[in-house]
Amino acid sequence: MRETDSGLDRRSVLRGLGAAGVAGIGVTGTASAQEALTVTGVWTGGEEEDFLAVVDYVSEETGLDIVYQPRTTEAILTGTLIDYEGGVAPADIVVMPSPARVQSDAAAGHLAELGDTWNPENFAPDGEQVTADGAVYAAPFKMDLKPGFWYRPSFFEEHGLEEPDDYDAFLDLLEEINGIEGVEAPLASGNGDGWPLSDVTEGFILRQEDGATLQQELIAGETSMTDDRVVTAFEEIQSLLQEGYFSAVRDFGVQYEYFWANETPLYFMGSWTPGFEAIQDPEDLDVFMVPGAESMVAAENWFTVPSYSSNVEAATTAVETFVSAEGQQVWAERGGFIASNTEVPEDAYELEIMRELATLSGEIELVPDLDDTLGDPFQSSFWAQLTGLWADPDQEIGGILETLDQSLTETVDGGG
């Protein structure tokens, strides 16, 4: 592990300073801090600790000093765009969760090419997602699978519960959980700006007939948001809301605390779940897909390098090391991580549930995240409409979907 001049490892320094302190060092600190390569992404809490372990590895391998500056998803998606339009690099490396943004940023000249940093033959994601004018402008790192509803096996065992094998059994399970003392609601409603309400909604879209094809056709603009199958998915969610099966909406990180306390025992979340601080025993976790679904969403976190960075060459070197099998293995061994690099060995996943998810990802069809892939204006509209539905479950579904279909058409036609 590399050390600072004071003899403290980087992680200790970051813990002591906090995000604001780190950001201040990156801008107005000492000369050595100003020369450090900066990375910005959305990982905080336990995930930040895990990513910092990868940062340490990359620093050791490349000899580069690297500082991580966490931001909110909104800051990544909106703040960076403002920076780019002003010709400013928000960091030397920006971890972007939206391939649509990568493509639009690349087309606008905001990004440096990264095609030489990874070989698509050794990665699960398709490089076409981040290609513009024949060049690749991002490299895949953490692959977030969104498999379904997480639960604690200890809770299920205590109350004689079983994973549902069809949708009727799922409804029976919700009713049974709803009657258990101490339960606020069977299903957790995690939220930020409309995400991850969007994730659970996509889970219900995928459980419809030919769900994987439906999702891909929505992304391509070949199917309408008013398709009968999308209507059914939204009506199913509406019914669950009206029955009181979804909890109060809370920040998705805070909601993990309620989940772990068995107050909201089922939480539709991603493969990052075991890494959250509220999860006191990751061995006491399992997950089941929405009954009827035969595919799942896989959303990648993409490393990008702003063309306005004064350290493009060094940043490119760092990205290549971050996305290498060895770099990704560092986080895989810590849990809460599915590697996009297929050369990461299976035994890197210490937790059985993560090994199972990594195996499952190679056995079923993976589809892109609907709103992340489309980007704005659809994404903002999708999040807003879902937030509104959770606030008022009795509103007409038809109006919601007509609004979303207009946003979908605008996005596909070039409005994003």
Protein backbone atom coordinates (compact mmCIF):
# COMPACT_ATOMS: atom_id res chain seq x y z
CA MET A 1 0.00 0.00 0.00
CA ARG A 2 1.35 3.42 -0.97
CA GLU A 3 1.83 5.94 1.80
CA THR A 4 1.63 9.70 1.99
CA ASP A 5 4.52 11.85 3.22
CA SER A 6 3.01 11.79 6.70
CA GLY A 7 3.21 8.00 6.84
CA LEU A 8 -0.56 7.51 6.71
CA ASP A 9 -2.17 5.39 4.01
CA ARG A 10 -4.48 7.21 1.60
CA ARG A 11 -7.62 5.65 3.00
CA SER A 12 -6.87 6.98 6.49
CA VAL A 13 -6.32 10.46 5.09
CA LEU A 14 -9.59 10.38 3.14
CA ARG A 15 -11.55 9.11 6.13
CA GLY A 16 -10.16 11.94 8.25
CA LEU A 17 -10.83 14.67 5.72
CA GLY A 18 -14.15 13.57 4.23
CA ALA A 19 -15.31 14.30 0.71
CA ALA A 20 -15.31 18.08 1.16
CA GLY A 21 -11.76 18.03 2.44
CA VAL A 22 -10.60 15.90 -0.44
CA ALA A 23 -12.25 18.20 -2.96
CA GLY A 24 -10.57 21.17 -1.31
CA ILE A 25 -7.16 19.53 -1.53
CA GLY A 26 -7.69 18.75 -5.19
CA VAL A 27 -8.28 22.43 -5.96
CA THR A 28 -6.41 24.59 -3.48
CA GLY A 29 -4.08 22.29 -1.54
CA THR A 30 -0.35 21.67 -1.69
CA ALA A 31 1.62 21.24 -4.87
CA SER A 32 1.79 17.46 -4.45
CA ALA A 33 -1.97 17.25 -3.95
CA GLN A 34 -2.59 19.43 -7.00
CA GLU A 35 -0.52 17.04 -9.12
CA ALA A 36 -2.55 14.03 -8.01
CA LEU A 37 -4.81 12.34 -10.54
CA THR A 38 -8.45 12.90 -9.55
CA VAL A 39 -11.30 10.43 -9.96
CA THR A 40 -14.95 11.24 -9.34
CA GLY A 41 -17.76 8.71 -9.02
CA VAL A 42 -20.92 7.94 -7.05
CA TRP A 43 -19.50 5.44 -4.54
CA THR A 44 -19.82 6.43 -0.89
CA GLY A 45 -19.84 4.66 2.47
CA GLY A 46 -18.81 1.02 2.30
CA GLU A 47 -18.57 1.15 -1.48
CA GLU A 48 -16.16 4.07 -1.21
CA GLU A 49 -13.95 2.01 1.07
CA ASP A 50 -13.97 -0.81 -1.47
CA PHE A 51 -13.15 1.49 -4.37
CA LEU A 52 -10.32 3.08 -2.40
CA ALA A 53 -8.78 -0.37 -2.10
CA VAL A 54 -8.74 -0.51 -5.90
CA VAL A 55 -7.30 3.02 -5.98
CA ASP A 56 -4.45 1.81 -3.75
CA TYR A 57 -3.79 -1.09 -6.15
CA VAL A 58 -3.77 1.17 -9.22
CA SER A 59 -1.46 3.63 -7.47
CA GLU A 60 0.97 0.87 -6.61
CA GLU A 61 0.94 -0.53 -10.14
CA THR A 62 1.26 2.77 -11.99
CA GLY A 63 3.17 4.97 -9.53
CA LEU A 64 0.42 7.59 -9.84
CA ASP A 65 -0.98 9.53 -6.90
CA ILE A 66 -4.77 9.25 -7.13
CA VAL A 67 -7.44 11.09 -5.15
CA TYR A 68 -11.09 10.02 -5.16
CA GLN A 69 -13.85 12.64 -4.96
CA PRO A 70 -17.37 11.16 -4.51
CA ARG A 71 -20.36 12.95 -5.98
CA THR A 72 -24.09 12.32 -6.06
CA THR A 73 -25.66 10.77 -9.15
CA GLU A 74 -27.27 14.12 -9.92
CA ALA A 75 -23.90 15.87 -9.73
CA ILE A 76 -22.38 13.30 -12.04
CA LEU A 77 -25.17 13.51 -14.61
CA THR A 78 -25.88 17.24 -14.45
CA GLY A 79 -22.88 18.94 -12.86
CA THR A 80 -20.35 17.36 -15.19
CA LEU A 81 -22.36 18.46 -18.21
CA ILE A 82 -22.19 22.06 -17.01
CA ASP A 83 -18.43 21.69 -16.53
CA TYR A 84 -17.97 20.23 -19.99
CA GLU A 85 -19.94 22.97 -21.66
CA GLY A 86 -17.55 25.41 -20.00
CA GLY A 87 -14.52 23.48 -21.20
CA VAL A 88 -13.67 22.31 -17.67
CA ALA A 89 -12.69 18.83 -16.52
CA PRO A 90 -14.54 18.02 -13.24
CA ALA A 91 -11.86 15.39 -12.63
CA ASP A 92 -9.19 13.56 -14.60
CA ILE A 93 -11.38 10.44 -14.59
CA VAL A 94 -15.18 10.56 -14.41
CA VAL A 95 -17.09 7.36 -13.63
CA MET A 96 -20.27 7.69 -15.68
CA PRO A 97 -23.29 5.42 -15.01
CA SER A 98 -25.03 6.35 -18.27
CA PRO A 99 -23.80 5.03 -21.64
CA ALA A 100 -26.14 7.50 -23.31
CA ARG A 101 -24.23 10.34 -21.67
CA VAL A 102 -20.94 8.82 -22.76
CA GLN A 103 -22.07 8.83 -26.37
CA SER A 104 -23.42 12.37 -26.26
CA ASP A 105 -20.35 13.68 -24.40
CA ALA A 106 -18.09 11.98 -26.93
CA ALA A 107 -20.02 13.38 -29.89
CA ALA A 108 -19.65 16.87 -28.38
CA GLY A 109 -15.87 16.47 -28.09
CA HIS A 110 -15.81 16.33 -24.29
CA LEU A 111 -14.07 12.93 -23.96
CA ALA A 112 -10.77 11.32 -24.88
CA GLU A 113 -10.75 7.97 -26.71
CA LEU A 114 -10.24 4.88 -24.50
CA GLY A 115 -10.53 2.04 -27.00
CA ASP A 116 -6.93 0.95 -26.37
CA THR A 117 -7.53 0.44 -22.63
CA TRP A 118 -9.63 -2.73 -22.94
CA ASN A 119 -10.34 -5.66 -25.24
CA PRO A 120 -14.11 -6.25 -25.64
CA GLU A 121 -13.46 -9.98 -26.12
CA ASN A 122 -12.53 -10.18 -22.44
CA PHE A 123 -15.47 -8.14 -21.12
CA ALA A 124 -19.18 -8.79 -20.69
CA PRO A 125 -20.45 -5.35 -21.85
CA ASP A 126 -20.73 -4.38 -25.50
CA GLY A 127 -18.45 -1.53 -26.48
CA GLU A 128 -21.03 -0.28 -28.97
CA GLN A 129 -22.86 1.30 -26.03
CA VAL A 130 -20.03 3.83 -25.64
CA THR A 131 -18.97 4.22 -29.25
CA ALA A 132 -19.28 7.44 -31.24
CA ASP A 133 -18.12 7.90 -34.84
CA GLY A 134 -16.40 4.51 -34.71
CA ALA A 135 -14.29 5.24 -31.60
CA VAL A 136 -14.71 3.92 -28.05
CA TYR A 137 -14.83 6.60 -25.34
CA ALA A 138 -15.24 4.64 -22.10
CA ALA A 139 -14.02 1.49 -20.36
CA PRO A 140 -16.28 -0.77 -18.24
CA PHE A 141 -15.57 -1.38 -14.58
CA LYS A 142 -18.13 -2.44 -11.98
CA MET A 143 -21.09 -4.31 -13.48
CA ASP A 144 -24.21 -3.76 -11.42
CA LEU A 145 -26.66 -6.61 -11.83
CA LYS A 146 -30.21 -5.87 -10.75
CA PRO A 147 -31.45 -9.38 -9.99
CA GLY A 148 -34.55 -8.81 -7.89
CA PHE A 149 -35.69 -8.81 -4.28
CA TRP A 150 -33.04 -9.24 -1.60
CA TYR A 151 -34.01 -10.79 1.71
CA ARG A 152 -32.47 -12.25 4.85
CA PRO A 153 -32.67 -16.07 4.98
CA SER A 154 -32.69 -15.85 8.78
CA PHE A 155 -35.94 -13.86 8.60
CA PHE A 156 -37.49 -16.32 6.17
CA GLU A 157 -36.46 -19.27 8.34
CA GLU A 158 -37.78 -17.64 11.51
CA HIS A 159 -41.21 -17.11 9.98
CA GLY A 160 -41.45 -20.20 7.78
CA LEU A 161 -41.31 -18.25 4.51
CA GLU A 162 -40.20 -19.53 1.10
CA GLU A 163 -39.13 -17.93 -2.16
CA PRO A 164 -42.16 -17.68 -4.49
CA ASP A 165 -42.17 -19.83 -7.63
CA ASP A 166 -44.85 -17.82 -9.44
CA TYR A 167 -46.58 -14.45 -9.18
CA ASP A 168 -49.54 -15.74 -7.17
CA ALA A 169 -47.12 -17.17 -4.63
CA PHE A 170 -45.36 -13.80 -4.61
CA LEU A 171 -48.62 -12.06 -3.69
CA ASP A 172 -49.25 -14.64 -0.97
CA LEU A 173 -45.74 -14.02 0.38
CA LEU A 174 -46.36 -10.28 0.56
CA GLU A 175 -49.60 -10.80 2.45
CA GLU A 176 -47.90 -13.17 4.88
CA ILE A 177 -45.00 -10.77 5.52
CA ASN A 178 -47.43 -7.89 5.94
CA GLY A 179 -48.97 -9.66 8.91
CA ILE A 180 -45.69 -10.14 10.79
CA GLU A 181 -45.21 -7.96 13.85
CA GLY A 182 -42.61 -5.24 13.38
CA VAL A 183 -42.92 -5.09 9.60
CA GLU A 184 -43.69 -1.64 8.21
CA ALA A 185 -44.33 -3.00 4.70
CA PRO A 186 -43.10 -6.08 2.81
CA LEU A 187 -41.37 -4.11 0.03
CA ALA A 188 -38.80 -1.37 0.56
CA SER A 189 -39.17 1.84 -1.46
CA GLY A 190 -35.66 3.10 -2.00
CA ASN A 191 -35.32 6.46 -3.70
CA GLY A 192 -32.92 9.15 -4.74
CA ASP A 193 -34.18 11.26 -7.63
CA GLY A 194 -36.55 8.57 -8.88
CA TRP A 195 -33.93 5.87 -8.83
CA PRO A 196 -34.05 3.05 -7.73
CA LEU A 197 -37.83 3.10 -8.08
CA SER A 198 -36.97 2.80 -11.76
CA ASP A 199 -35.11 -0.46 -11.15
CA VAL A 200 -38.03 -2.26 -9.53
CA THR A 201 -40.27 -0.98 -12.31
CA GLU A 202 -37.95 -2.49 -14.92
CA GLY A 203 -38.08 -5.74 -12.98
CA PHE A 204 -41.85 -5.83 -13.55
CA ILE A 205 -41.42 -4.95 -17.23
CA LEU A 206 -39.01 -7.88 -17.63
CA ARG A 207 -41.50 -10.33 -16.08
CA GLN A 208 -43.96 -9.68 -18.92
CA GLU A 209 -44.14 -11.87 -22.05
CA ASP A 210 -40.84 -11.57 -23.99
CA GLY A 211 -39.71 -9.09 -21.36
CA ALA A 212 -36.10 -8.92 -22.51
CA THR A 213 -37.16 -8.16 -26.09
CA LEU A 214 -39.70 -5.66 -24.80
CA GLN A 215 -37.03 -3.74 -22.88
CA GLN A 216 -34.62 -3.73 -25.82
CA GLU A 217 -37.34 -2.56 -28.20
CA LEU A 218 -38.28 0.24 -25.82
CA ILE A 219 -34.66 1.37 -25.79
CA ALA A 220 -34.53 1.27 -29.58
CA GLY A 221 -37.81 3.15 -29.87
CA GLU A 222 -39.43 0.20 -31.63
CA THR A 223 -42.10 -0.29 -28.97
CA SER A 224 -44.31 2.25 -27.26
CA MET A 225 -44.51 2.89 -23.52
CA THR A 226 -48.25 2.40 -24.00
CA ASP A 227 -47.70 -1.23 -25.07
CA ASP A 228 -50.15 -3.52 -23.25
CA ARG A 229 -47.27 -5.29 -21.49
CA VAL A 230 -45.89 -2.03 -20.10
CA VAL A 231 -49.40 -1.09 -18.99
CA THR A 232 -49.67 -4.43 -17.17
CA ALA A 233 -46.33 -3.91 -15.44
CA PHE A 234 -47.38 -0.47 -14.19
CA GLU A 235 -50.80 -1.75 -13.11
CA GLU A 236 -49.15 -4.53 -11.10
CA ILE A 237 -46.97 -2.00 -9.30
CA GLN A 238 -49.95 0.29 -8.77
CA SER A 239 -51.89 -2.56 -7.19
CA LEU A 240 -49.03 -3.32 -4.79
CA LEU A 241 -48.86 0.35 -3.84
CA GLN A 242 -52.60 0.51 -3.24
CA GLU A 243 -52.44 -2.61 -1.07
CA GLY A 244 -49.84 -0.90 1.09
CA TYR A 245 -47.15 -3.45 0.24
CA PHE A 246 -44.53 -0.79 -0.51
CA SER A 247 -42.98 1.14 2.37
CA ALA A 248 -42.59 4.88 2.76
CA VAL A 249 -40.10 6.31 0.28
CA ARG A 250 -36.64 6.88 1.76
CA ASP A 251 -33.15 7.51 0.48
CA PHE A 252 -31.99 4.21 -0.93
CA GLY A 253 -29.02 4.02 1.46
CA VAL A 254 -31.12 4.77 4.53
CA GLN A 255 -33.65 2.19 3.38
CA TYR A 256 -31.00 -0.53 3.84
CA GLU A 257 -31.18 0.11 7.59
CA TYR A 258 -34.91 -0.64 7.60
CA PHE A 259 -34.31 -3.66 5.39
CA TRP A 260 -31.67 -5.08 7.72
CA ALA A 261 -33.96 -4.52 10.72
CA ASN A 262 -36.61 -6.62 8.90
CA GLU A 263 -38.99 -3.67 8.84
CA THR A 264 -38.99 -3.77 5.01
CA PRO A 265 -37.90 -7.37 4.45
CA LEU A 266 -37.83 -7.39 0.60
CA TYR A 267 -35.70 -4.85 -1.23
CA PHE A 268 -35.35 -4.77 -5.02
CA MET A 269 -31.74 -3.75 -5.36
CA GLY A 270 -28.52 -4.45 -7.20
CA SER A 271 -25.49 -6.63 -6.73
CA TRP A 272 -23.82 -3.88 -4.69
CA THR A 273 -26.09 -4.75 -1.73
CA PRO A 274 -23.60 -6.88 0.28
CA GLY A 275 -21.16 -3.97 0.36
CA PHE A 276 -23.44 -1.49 2.14
CA GLU A 277 -22.57 -0.58 5.73
CA ALA A 278 -26.04 -1.42 7.03
CA ILE A 279 -25.55 -5.04 5.96
CA GLN A 280 -23.97 -6.41 9.11
CA ASP A 281 -23.63 -10.01 7.88
CA PRO A 282 -23.47 -10.43 4.10
CA GLU A 283 -23.71 -14.20 4.55
CA ASP A 284 -27.30 -13.61 5.68
CA LEU A 285 -28.42 -12.43 2.24
CA ASP A 286 -30.20 -14.06 -0.66
CA VAL A 287 -32.18 -12.79 -3.62
CA PHE A 288 -34.95 -13.92 -5.96
CA MET A 289 -36.05 -12.52 -9.31
CA VAL A 290 -39.52 -11.08 -9.87
CA PRO A 291 -41.52 -14.25 -10.65
CA GLY A 292 -41.87 -14.66 -14.38
CA ALA A 293 -38.70 -12.77 -15.29
CA GLU A 294 -36.19 -14.68 -17.42
CA SER A 295 -33.66 -11.88 -17.82
CA MET A 296 -32.11 -9.18 -15.69
CA VAL A 297 -30.69 -5.72 -16.06
CA ALA A 298 -26.94 -5.25 -16.09
CA ALA A 299 -25.73 -1.65 -15.75
CA GLU A 300 -22.06 -0.85 -16.05
CA ASN A 301 -20.05 1.92 -14.48
CA TRP A 302 -17.93 3.43 -17.26
CA PHE A 303 -14.58 5.13 -16.78
CA THR A 304 -14.24 8.22 -18.95
CA VAL A 305 -11.45 10.78 -19.36
CA PRO A 306 -12.47 14.38 -20.13
CA SER A 307 -10.60 15.82 -23.08
CA TYR A 308 -10.12 19.00 -20.99
CA SER A 309 -7.98 17.18 -18.40
CA SER A 310 -4.33 18.22 -18.23
CA ASN A 311 -3.46 14.59 -17.41
CA VAL A 312 -5.10 12.66 -20.24
CA GLU A 313 -2.16 10.31 -20.77
CA ALA A 314 -1.78 9.46 -17.07
CA ALA A 315 -5.55 9.11 -16.68
CA THR A 316 -5.69 6.71 -19.61
CA THR A 317 -2.95 4.60 -18.03
CA ALA A 318 -4.88 4.53 -14.75
CA VAL A 319 -8.12 3.53 -16.50
CA GLU A 320 -6.41 0.59 -18.18
CA THR A 321 -5.23 -0.64 -14.77
CA PHE A 322 -8.58 0.00 -13.08
CA VAL A 323 -10.47 -2.18 -15.58
CA SER A 324 -7.85 -4.94 -15.75
CA ALA A 325 -8.73 -8.34 -14.30
CA GLU A 326 -6.31 -7.73 -11.45
CA GLY A 327 -7.78 -4.31 -10.69
CA GLN A 328 -11.36 -5.55 -10.67
CA GLN A 329 -10.42 -8.58 -8.62
CA VAL A 330 -9.46 -6.31 -5.71
CA TRP A 331 -13.08 -5.22 -5.25
CA ALA A 332 -14.54 -8.62 -6.19
CA GLU A 333 -12.67 -10.19 -3.26
CA ARG A 334 -14.21 -7.62 -0.90
CA GLY A 335 -17.80 -8.36 -1.96
CA GLY A 336 -20.64 -6.32 -3.47
CA PHE A 337 -19.01 -6.33 -6.90
CA ILE A 338 -19.58 -8.15 -10.17
CA ALA A 339 -16.66 -7.74 -12.56
CA SER A 340 -17.21 -6.65 -16.13
CA ASN A 341 -13.86 -8.26 -16.97
CA THR A 342 -14.56 -11.94 -17.62
CA GLU A 343 -10.99 -12.91 -16.76
CA VAL A 344 -11.58 -12.27 -13.04
CA PRO A 345 -11.53 -15.80 -11.53
CA GLU A 346 -14.70 -17.20 -9.95
CA ASP A 347 -12.91 -17.87 -6.66
CA ALA A 348 -12.37 -14.11 -6.30
CA TYR A 349 -15.95 -13.91 -5.05
CA GLU A 350 -15.75 -14.81 -1.38
CA LEU A 351 -19.50 -14.61 -0.77
CA GLU A 352 -21.56 -17.48 -2.11
CA ILE A 353 -24.34 -15.14 -3.25
CA MET A 354 -21.87 -13.15 -5.35
CA ARG A 355 -20.50 -16.32 -6.95
CA GLU A 356 -24.06 -17.35 -7.72
CA LEU A 357 -24.85 -13.98 -9.29
CA ALA A 358 -21.66 -14.04 -11.34
CA THR A 359 -22.59 -17.51 -12.59
CA LEU A 360 -26.21 -16.53 -13.21
CA SER A 361 -25.10 -13.55 -15.29
CA GLY A 362 -23.53 -15.99 -17.73
CA GLU A 363 -26.60 -18.21 -17.91
CA ILE A 364 -29.49 -15.81 -18.51
CA GLU A 365 -30.00 -12.92 -20.87
CA LEU A 366 -28.70 -9.58 -19.65
CA VAL A 367 -30.38 -6.42 -20.90
CA PRO A 368 -29.36 -2.76 -20.63
CA ASP A 369 -30.85 -0.48 -18.02
CA LEU A 370 -33.80 1.27 -19.65
CA ASP A 371 -33.39 4.85 -18.44
CA ASP A 372 -29.58 4.81 -18.09
CA THR A 373 -29.23 3.71 -21.70
CA LEU A 374 -31.76 6.18 -23.09
CA GLY A 375 -30.69 9.14 -20.99
CA ASP A 376 -32.58 12.43 -20.94
CA PRO A 377 -35.22 13.62 -21.48
CA PHE A 378 -36.67 10.13 -20.94
CA GLN A 379 -34.70 9.40 -17.78
CA SER A 380 -35.76 12.55 -15.96
CA SER A 381 -39.37 11.99 -17.03
CA PHE A 382 -39.26 8.32 -15.96
CA TRP A 383 -37.94 9.21 -12.52
CA ALA A 384 -40.45 12.04 -12.08
CA GLN A 385 -43.44 9.94 -13.12
CA LEU A 386 -42.47 7.08 -10.80
CA THR A 387 -41.93 9.42 -7.87
CA GLY A 388 -45.40 10.79 -8.59
CA LEU A 389 -46.93 7.31 -8.77
CA TRP A 390 -45.47 6.36 -5.38
CA ALA A 391 -46.85 9.62 -3.95
CA ASP A 392 -50.30 9.14 -5.51
CA PRO A 393 -50.98 5.49 -6.41
CA ASP A 394 -54.58 6.22 -7.43
CA GLN A 395 -53.76 8.31 -10.48
CA GLU A 396 -54.50 7.04 -13.98
CA ILE A 397 -51.75 4.84 -15.38
CA GLY A 398 -52.68 5.81 -18.92
CA GLY A 399 -51.69 9.43 -18.41
CA ILE A 400 -48.34 8.43 -16.91
CA LEU A 401 -47.50 6.18 -19.84
CA GLU A 402 -48.60 8.70 -22.46
CA THR A 403 -46.25 11.24 -20.90
CA LEU A 404 -43.44 8.68 -20.83
CA ASP A 405 -44.09 7.70 -24.43
CA GLN A 406 -43.73 11.32 -25.52
CA SER A 407 -40.40 11.52 -23.65
CA LEU A 408 -39.31 8.23 -25.19
CA THR A 409 -40.04 9.47 -28.70
CA GLU A 410 -38.23 12.74 -28.07
CA THR A 411 -35.19 10.93 -26.69
CA VAL A 412 -34.95 8.35 -29.47
CA ASP A 413 -35.41 11.06 -32.11
CA GLY A 414 -32.42 12.92 -30.74
CA GLY A 415 -33.67 14.97 -27.82
CA GLY A 416 -31.35 13.29 -25.27
